[in-house]
Amino acid sequence: MVLSHGGRDVLCRLWKPLSRQRRWRGAEDGGVGKTTLIQKASEVLQSSGMPVDGFYTQEVRQGGRRIGFDVVTLSGARGPLSRVGSQPPPGKPECRVGQYVVDLASFEQLALPVLRNAGPSRSPGHSVCIIDEIGKMELFSQPFIQAVRQTLSTPGTVVLGTIPVPKGKPLALVEEIRNRHDVKVFSVTKENRNNLLPEIVTCVQNSRT
C-alpha cells in the first residue's frame, strides 16, 4: 500500500506490493486482504471527520467461481471492471489480463470522475482519495494514468492506494509511484494485515499537518 501527500517531500502512501496521498498506496499479493484493509481505513478516516472519496475493486463470484471484478465507488456506484470470456465492443481493442477481459468504458465512467473531483476544492482542508488499485487492468486506460498523476500532484490531497508487487515486466506508472520521494509504501501480508490499520490511519492523519 502507498500513501502520498501532494506538494510535500515527506508523505505517507499505502501501496500494495504483494497481490496492489497527501498520497498513500499499498502493495500486497492477491487474497491477503488489502481491499478490506483500505475499506476499514476509509471508514475510520471518515468517522474522524476527514473527507474521503475514491473507489475499490471487488471480485465477482458465480457458483463459487470468480468470474471477474467490479469497480465500486465510495458513494456506492458499481460497474464491471473485467469478466471472464467477455468480448470488447465492436471496433474496440481487446484489453485482456489472463482470462479476464477489461471493460474500459465501464471502468473509466466510474473511476475518472472520482479522481478528477478529488482534492480540497470539494471541501475545505485536506481530503483523502482512495485508489484500489493501480494494476494491469486499470493501466490499459491512458486517461486513468493521467488522472492518477494529476491526483498525486494535487496539493491538499492524500492518496491512499494499492499497487502490485513487482512480477515480470515492470509497470511504468507503478514503478514511477513506488520511487517517488513523497510516497510511503506498506507491504501487506496475511500476517501483518490486522496490525497495519492503526499505522496507516495515523500516517494519513499526520500527512494533513
C-alpha atoms as a PDB file:
ATOM      1  CA  MET A   1       0.000   0.000   0.000  1.00  0.00           C
ATOM      2  CA  VAL A   2       1.127   3.533  -0.605  1.00  0.00           C
ATOM      3  CA  LEU A   3       0.386   6.832   0.994  1.00  0.00           C
ATOM      4  CA  SER A   4       1.242  10.097  -0.730  1.00  0.00           C
ATOM      5  CA  HIS A   5       0.687  13.755   0.061  1.00  0.00           C
ATOM      6  CA  GLY A   6       0.738  16.165  -2.887  1.00  0.00           C
ATOM      7  CA  GLY A   7       3.123  19.075  -2.853  1.00  0.00           C
ATOM      8  CA  ARG A   8       5.287  17.798   0.016  1.00  0.00           C
ATOM      9  CA  ASP A   9       8.561  15.928   0.245  1.00  0.00           C
ATOM     10  CA  VAL A  10       7.693  13.573   3.098  1.00  0.00           C
ATOM     11  CA  LEU A  11       4.340  11.873   2.792  1.00  0.00           C
ATOM     12  CA  CYS A  12       2.713   8.598   3.649  1.00  0.00           C
ATOM     13  CA  ARG A  13       1.181   6.434   0.966  1.00  0.00           C
ATOM     14  CA  LEU A  14      -0.197   2.982   1.226  1.00  0.00           C
ATOM     15  CA  TRP A  15       0.911   0.670  -1.584  1.00  0.00           C
ATOM     16  CA  LYS A  16       0.050  -2.920  -2.199  1.00  0.00           C
ATOM     17  CA  PRO A  17       3.324  -4.619  -3.092  1.00  0.00           C
ATOM     18  CA  LEU A  18       2.033  -8.096  -2.759  1.00  0.00           C
ATOM     19  CA  SER A  19      -1.030  -9.149  -4.999  1.00  0.00           C
ATOM     20  CA  ARG A  20      -1.757  -3.778  -5.044  1.00  0.00           C
ATOM     21  CA  GLN A  21      -1.548  10.837  -0.561  1.00  0.00           C
ATOM     22  CA  ARG A  22      -1.115  13.602   0.955  1.00  0.00           C
ATOM     23  CA  ARG A  23      -0.884  10.205  -1.245  1.00  0.00           C
ATOM     24  CA  TRP A  24      -0.924   6.776   0.161  1.00  0.00           C
ATOM     25  CA  ARG A  25      -0.742   3.406  -1.551  1.00  0.00           C
ATOM     26  CA  GLY A  26      -0.312  -0.248  -0.641  1.00  0.00           C
ATOM     27  CA  ALA A  27       1.191  -3.437  -2.013  1.00  0.00           C
ATOM     28  CA  GLU A  28       0.093  -6.998  -1.461  1.00  0.00           C
ATOM     29  CA  ASP A  29      -0.413 -10.416  -3.016  1.00  0.00           C
ATOM     30  CA  GLY A  30      -3.893 -11.378  -4.091  1.00  0.00           C
ATOM     31  CA  GLY A  31      -6.066 -12.651  -1.279  1.00  0.00           C
ATOM     32  CA  VAL A  32      -4.178 -11.054   1.620  1.00  0.00           C
ATOM     33  CA  GLY A  33      -6.999  -8.646   2.402  1.00  0.00           C
ATOM     34  CA  LYS A  34      -5.766  -5.295   1.105  1.00  0.00           C
ATOM     35  CA  THR A  35      -9.181  -4.152  -0.123  1.00  0.00           C
ATOM     36  CA  THR A  36     -10.736  -4.934   3.257  1.00  0.00           C
ATOM     37  CA  LEU A  37      -7.886  -3.031   4.906  1.00  0.00           C
ATOM     38  CA  ILE A  38      -8.457   0.009   2.695  1.00  0.00           C
ATOM     39  CA  GLN A  39     -12.204  -0.109   3.347  1.00  0.00           C
ATOM     40  CA  LYS A  40     -11.623  -0.169   7.100  1.00  0.00           C
ATOM     41  CA  ALA A  41      -9.138   2.693   6.854  1.00  0.00           C
ATOM     42  CA  SER A  42     -11.585   4.805   4.847  1.00  0.00           C
ATOM     43  CA  GLU A  43     -14.323   4.170   7.447  1.00  0.00           C
ATOM     44  CA  VAL A  44     -12.050   5.217  10.308  1.00  0.00           C
ATOM     45  CA  LEU A  45     -10.915   8.337   8.450  1.00  0.00           C
ATOM     46  CA  GLN A  46     -14.471   9.324   7.571  1.00  0.00           C
ATOM     47  CA  SER A  47     -15.576   8.861  11.178  1.00  0.00           C
ATOM     48  CA  SER A  48     -12.736  11.182  12.240  1.00  0.00           C
ATOM     49  CA  GLY A  49     -14.130  13.904  10.006  1.00  0.00           C
ATOM     50  CA  MET A  50     -11.786  13.674   7.029  1.00  0.00           C
ATOM     51  CA  PRO A  51     -13.420  13.966   3.574  1.00  0.00           C
ATOM     52  CA  VAL A  52     -12.821  10.643   1.796  1.00  0.00           C
ATOM     53  CA  ASP A  53     -13.699   9.642  -1.763  1.00  0.00           C
ATOM     54  CA  GLY A  54     -12.421   7.113  -4.282  1.00  0.00           C
ATOM     55  CA  PHE A  55     -13.006   3.565  -5.430  1.00  0.00           C
ATOM     56  CA  TYR A  56     -12.021  -0.017  -4.737  1.00  0.00           C
ATOM     57  CA  THR A  57     -12.152  -3.246  -6.722  1.00  0.00           C
ATOM     58  CA  GLN A  58     -14.168  -6.244  -5.627  1.00  0.00           C
ATOM     59  CA  GLU A  59     -14.148  -9.758  -7.019  1.00  0.00           C
ATOM     60  CA  VAL A  60     -17.364 -11.136  -8.502  1.00  0.00           C
ATOM     61  CA  ARG A  61     -18.231 -14.793  -7.969  1.00  0.00           C
ATOM     62  CA  GLN A  62     -20.792 -17.068  -9.549  1.00  0.00           C
ATOM     63  CA  GLY A  63     -21.388 -20.588  -8.323  1.00  0.00           C
ATOM     64  CA  GLY A  64     -18.294 -20.347  -6.142  1.00  0.00           C
ATOM     65  CA  ARG A  65     -16.105 -19.400  -9.114  1.00  0.00           C
ATOM     66  CA  ARG A  66     -14.538 -15.987  -9.641  1.00  0.00           C
ATOM     67  CA  ILE A  67     -15.792 -14.584 -12.923  1.00  0.00           C
ATOM     68  CA  GLY A  68     -14.364 -11.093 -12.747  1.00  0.00           C
ATOM     69  CA  PHE A  69     -14.013  -7.845 -10.836  1.00  0.00           C
ATOM     70  CA  ASP A  70     -16.207  -4.805 -10.254  1.00  0.00           C
ATOM     71  CA  VAL A  71     -15.307  -1.187  -9.590  1.00  0.00           C
ATOM     72  CA  VAL A  72     -17.152   0.194  -6.552  1.00  0.00           C
ATOM     73  CA  THR A  73     -17.029   3.880  -5.631  1.00  0.00           C
ATOM     74  CA  LEU A  74     -17.294   5.027  -2.028  1.00  0.00           C
ATOM     75  CA  SER A  75     -20.568   6.701  -2.972  1.00  0.00           C
ATOM     76  CA  GLY A  76     -21.987   3.264  -3.851  1.00  0.00           C
ATOM     77  CA  ALA A  77     -21.867   3.246  -7.663  1.00  0.00           C
ATOM     78  CA  ARG A  78     -20.791  -0.091  -9.144  1.00  0.00           C
ATOM     79  CA  GLY A  79     -19.854  -1.395 -12.563  1.00  0.00           C
ATOM     80  CA  PRO A  80     -17.799  -4.143 -14.210  1.00  0.00           C
ATOM     81  CA  LEU A  81     -14.027  -3.845 -14.412  1.00  0.00           C
ATOM     82  CA  SER A  82     -13.437  -7.225 -16.047  1.00  0.00           C
ATOM     83  CA  ARG A  83     -15.146 -10.504 -16.805  1.00  0.00           C
ATOM     84  CA  VAL A  84     -14.075 -13.982 -17.878  1.00  0.00           C
ATOM     85  CA  GLY A  85     -14.797 -14.699 -21.521  1.00  0.00           C
ATOM     86  CA  SER A  86     -16.452 -11.376 -22.307  1.00  0.00           C
ATOM     87  CA  GLN A  87     -15.894  -9.578 -25.600  1.00  0.00           C
ATOM     88  CA  PRO A  88     -14.947  -5.930 -26.198  1.00  0.00           C
ATOM     89  CA  PRO A  89     -17.425  -3.688 -28.026  1.00  0.00           C
ATOM     90  CA  PRO A  90     -17.251  -3.847 -31.845  1.00  0.00           C
ATOM     91  CA  GLY A  91     -14.299  -1.890 -33.176  1.00  0.00           C
ATOM     92  CA  LYS A  92     -12.601  -1.671 -29.775  1.00  0.00           C
ATOM     93  CA  PRO A  93      -9.281  -3.408 -28.988  1.00  0.00           C
ATOM     94  CA  GLU A  94      -9.330  -6.306 -26.555  1.00  0.00           C
ATOM     95  CA  CYS A  95      -7.714  -5.479 -23.214  1.00  0.00           C
ATOM     96  CA  ARG A  96      -7.001  -8.799 -21.551  1.00  0.00           C
ATOM     97  CA  VAL A  97      -5.204  -9.872 -18.383  1.00  0.00           C
ATOM     98  CA  GLY A  98      -5.074 -13.661 -18.326  1.00  0.00           C
ATOM     99  CA  GLN A  99      -8.628 -14.928 -18.651  1.00  0.00           C
ATOM    100  CA  TYR A 100     -10.160 -11.549 -17.812  1.00  0.00           C
ATOM    101  CA  VAL A 101     -11.272  -9.039 -20.453  1.00  0.00           C
ATOM    102  CA  VAL A 102     -11.260  -5.468 -19.150  1.00  0.00           C
ATOM    103  CA  ASP A 103     -14.321  -3.254 -19.658  1.00  0.00           C
ATOM    104  CA  LEU A 104     -12.505   0.050 -20.143  1.00  0.00           C
ATOM    105  CA  ALA A 105     -15.628   2.095 -20.787  1.00  0.00           C
ATOM    106  CA  SER A 106     -17.248   0.961 -17.538  1.00  0.00           C
ATOM    107  CA  PHE A 107     -14.060   1.463 -15.541  1.00  0.00           C
ATOM    108  CA  GLU A 108     -13.415   4.964 -16.867  1.00  0.00           C
ATOM    109  CA  GLN A 109     -17.037   6.002 -16.387  1.00  0.00           C
ATOM    110  CA  LEU A 110     -16.783   5.214 -12.673  1.00  0.00           C
ATOM    111  CA  ALA A 111     -13.151   5.914 -11.764  1.00  0.00           C
ATOM    112  CA  LEU A 112     -12.271   9.043 -13.733  1.00  0.00           C
ATOM    113  CA  PRO A 113     -14.907  11.387 -12.245  1.00  0.00           C
ATOM    114  CA  VAL A 114     -13.843  10.359  -8.746  1.00  0.00           C
ATOM    115  CA  LEU A 115     -10.189  11.177  -9.445  1.00  0.00           C
ATOM    116  CA  ARG A 116     -10.919  14.387 -11.299  1.00  0.00           C
ATOM    117  CA  ASN A 117     -13.085  15.642  -8.448  1.00  0.00           C
ATOM    118  CA  ALA A 118     -10.524  14.722  -5.779  1.00  0.00           C
ATOM    119  CA  GLY A 119      -8.884  17.488  -3.803  1.00  0.00           C
ATOM    120  CA  PRO A 120      -9.645  20.232  -1.320  1.00  0.00           C
ATOM    121  CA  SER A 121     -11.734  22.130  -3.875  1.00  0.00           C
ATOM    122  CA  ARG A 122     -14.550  19.726  -2.968  1.00  0.00           C
ATOM    123  CA  SER A 123     -14.340  20.647   0.697  1.00  0.00           C
ATOM    124  CA  PRO A 124     -12.202  22.829   2.993  1.00  0.00           C
ATOM    125  CA  GLY A 125      -8.876  21.446   4.179  1.00  0.00           C
ATOM    126  CA  HIS A 126      -7.252  18.204   3.132  1.00  0.00           C
ATOM    127  CA  SER A 127      -9.079  15.277   1.571  1.00  0.00           C
ATOM    128  CA  VAL A 128      -8.289  11.592   1.055  1.00  0.00           C
ATOM    129  CA  CYS A 129      -8.573   9.824  -2.298  1.00  0.00           C
ATOM    130  CA  ILE A 130      -8.792   6.009  -2.277  1.00  0.00           C
ATOM    131  CA  ILE A 131      -7.367   4.268  -5.377  1.00  0.00           C
ATOM    132  CA  ASP A 132      -7.660   0.474  -5.153  1.00  0.00           C
ATOM    133  CA  GLU A 133      -5.896  -0.389  -7.325  1.00  0.00           C
ATOM    134  CA  ILE A 134      -3.256   0.697  -9.829  1.00  0.00           C
ATOM    135  CA  GLY A 135      -2.616  -2.559 -11.655  1.00  0.00           C
ATOM    136  CA  LYS A 136      -2.502  -4.140 -15.095  1.00  0.00           C
ATOM    137  CA  MET A 137      -6.235  -3.932 -15.744  1.00  0.00           C
ATOM    138  CA  GLU A 138      -6.543  -0.279 -14.780  1.00  0.00           C
ATOM    139  CA  LEU A 139      -3.416   0.742 -16.666  1.00  0.00           C
ATOM    140  CA  PHE A 140      -4.966  -0.079 -20.040  1.00  0.00           C
ATOM    141  CA  SER A 141      -6.618   3.337 -19.613  1.00  0.00           C
ATOM    142  CA  GLN A 142      -4.441   6.285 -20.614  1.00  0.00           C
ATOM    143  CA  PRO A 143      -6.925   8.790 -19.122  1.00  0.00           C
ATOM    144  CA  PHE A 144      -6.673   6.890 -15.820  1.00  0.00           C
ATOM    145  CA  ILE A 145      -2.863   7.105 -15.888  1.00  0.00           C
ATOM    146  CA  GLN A 146      -3.077  10.856 -16.453  1.00  0.00           C
ATOM    147  CA  ALA A 147      -5.697  11.263 -13.713  1.00  0.00           C
ATOM    148  CA  VAL A 148      -3.581   9.322 -11.200  1.00  0.00           C
ATOM    149  CA  ARG A 149      -0.548  11.512 -11.901  1.00  0.00           C
ATOM    150  CA  GLN A 150      -2.665  14.626 -11.519  1.00  0.00           C
ATOM    151  CA  THR A 151      -4.186  13.419  -8.248  1.00  0.00           C
ATOM    152  CA  LEU A 152      -0.767  12.555  -6.851  1.00  0.00           C
ATOM    153  CA  SER A 153       0.365  16.121  -7.561  1.00  0.00           C
ATOM    154  CA  THR A 154      -2.722  17.868  -6.172  1.00  0.00           C
ATOM    155  CA  PRO A 155      -1.925  19.951  -3.067  1.00  0.00           C
ATOM    156  CA  GLY A 156      -4.230  19.107  -0.179  1.00  0.00           C
ATOM    157  CA  THR A 157      -4.948  15.566  -1.375  1.00  0.00           C
ATOM    158  CA  VAL A 158      -3.762  12.461   0.448  1.00  0.00           C
ATOM    159  CA  VAL A 159      -3.840   9.405  -1.794  1.00  0.00           C
ATOM    160  CA  LEU A 160      -4.363   6.015  -0.197  1.00  0.00           C
ATOM    161  CA  GLY A 161      -3.938   3.376  -2.860  1.00  0.00           C
ATOM    162  CA  THR A 162      -2.661  -0.048  -3.750  1.00  0.00           C
ATOM    163  CA  ILE A 163      -0.125  -1.307  -6.266  1.00  0.00           C
ATOM    164  CA  PRO A 164       1.039  -4.813  -7.200  1.00  0.00           C
ATOM    165  CA  VAL A 165       4.245  -6.465  -6.073  1.00  0.00           C
ATOM    166  CA  PRO A 166       6.851  -6.409  -8.858  1.00  0.00           C
ATOM    167  CA  LYS A 167       6.454  -9.532 -11.003  1.00  0.00           C
ATOM    168  CA  GLY A 168       7.696  -9.945 -14.544  1.00  0.00           C
ATOM    169  CA  LYS A 169       7.841  -6.843 -16.721  1.00  0.00           C
ATOM    170  CA  PRO A 170       7.658  -3.666 -14.589  1.00  0.00           C
ATOM    171  CA  LEU A 171       4.577  -1.446 -14.906  1.00  0.00           C
ATOM    172  CA  ALA A 172       5.863   2.041 -15.710  1.00  0.00           C
ATOM    173  CA  LEU A 173       3.378   4.027 -13.606  1.00  0.00           C
ATOM    174  CA  VAL A 174       3.684   1.630 -10.668  1.00  0.00           C
ATOM    175  CA  GLU A 175       7.463   1.982 -10.609  1.00  0.00           C
ATOM    176  CA  GLU A 176       7.161   5.738 -11.020  1.00  0.00           C
ATOM    177  CA  ILE A 177       4.918   5.899  -7.970  1.00  0.00           C
ATOM    178  CA  ARG A 178       6.996   3.458  -5.961  1.00  0.00           C
ATOM    179  CA  ASN A 179      10.082   5.621  -6.482  1.00  0.00           C
ATOM    180  CA  ARG A 180       8.516   8.973  -5.610  1.00  0.00           C
ATOM    181  CA  HIS A 181      10.053  10.714  -2.636  1.00  0.00           C
ATOM    182  CA  ASP A 182       6.635  11.725  -1.295  1.00  0.00           C
ATOM    183  CA  VAL A 183       5.313   8.169  -1.107  1.00  0.00           C
ATOM    184  CA  LYS A 184       5.399   5.723   1.782  1.00  0.00           C
ATOM    185  CA  VAL A 185       4.977   2.037   0.915  1.00  0.00           C
ATOM    186  CA  PHE A 186       3.490  -0.551   3.267  1.00  0.00           C
ATOM    187  CA  SER A 187       3.763  -4.258   2.366  1.00  0.00           C
ATOM    188  CA  VAL A 188       0.523  -6.050   3.214  1.00  0.00           C
ATOM    189  CA  THR A 189       0.647  -9.739   4.127  1.00  0.00           C
ATOM    190  CA  LYS A 190      -1.734 -12.162   5.790  1.00  0.00           C
ATOM    191  CA  GLU A 191       0.478 -11.994   8.857  1.00  0.00           C
ATOM    192  CA  ASN A 192       0.545  -8.200   9.279  1.00  0.00           C
ATOM    193  CA  ARG A 193      -2.742  -7.048   7.757  1.00  0.00           C
ATOM    194  CA  ASN A 194      -4.585  -6.886  11.088  1.00  0.00           C
ATOM    195  CA  ASN A 195      -1.864  -4.768  12.669  1.00  0.00           C
ATOM    196  CA  LEU A 196      -1.401  -2.243   9.858  1.00  0.00           C
ATOM    197  CA  LEU A 197      -4.692  -0.376  10.192  1.00  0.00           C
ATOM    198  CA  PRO A 198      -3.701   1.956  13.077  1.00  0.00           C
ATOM    199  CA  GLU A 199      -0.357   2.733  11.450  1.00  0.00           C
ATOM    200  CA  ILE A 200      -1.972   3.545   8.119  1.00  0.00           C
ATOM    201  CA  VAL A 201      -4.669   5.734   9.658  1.00  0.00           C
ATOM    202  CA  THR A 202      -2.081   7.615  11.713  1.00  0.00           C
ATOM    203  CA  CYS A 203       0.085   8.127   8.627  1.00  0.00           C
ATOM    204  CA  VAL A 204      -2.836   9.639   6.694  1.00  0.00           C
ATOM    205  CA  GLN A 205      -3.879  11.868   9.564  1.00  0.00           C
ATOM    206  CA  ASN A 206      -0.321  13.098  10.121  1.00  0.00           C
ATOM    207  CA  SER A 207       0.021  13.986   6.439  1.00  0.00           C
ATOM    208  CA  ARG A 208      -2.525  16.752   6.981  1.00  0.00           C
ATOM    209  CA  THR A 209      -0.140  18.751   9.125  1.00  0.00           C
END
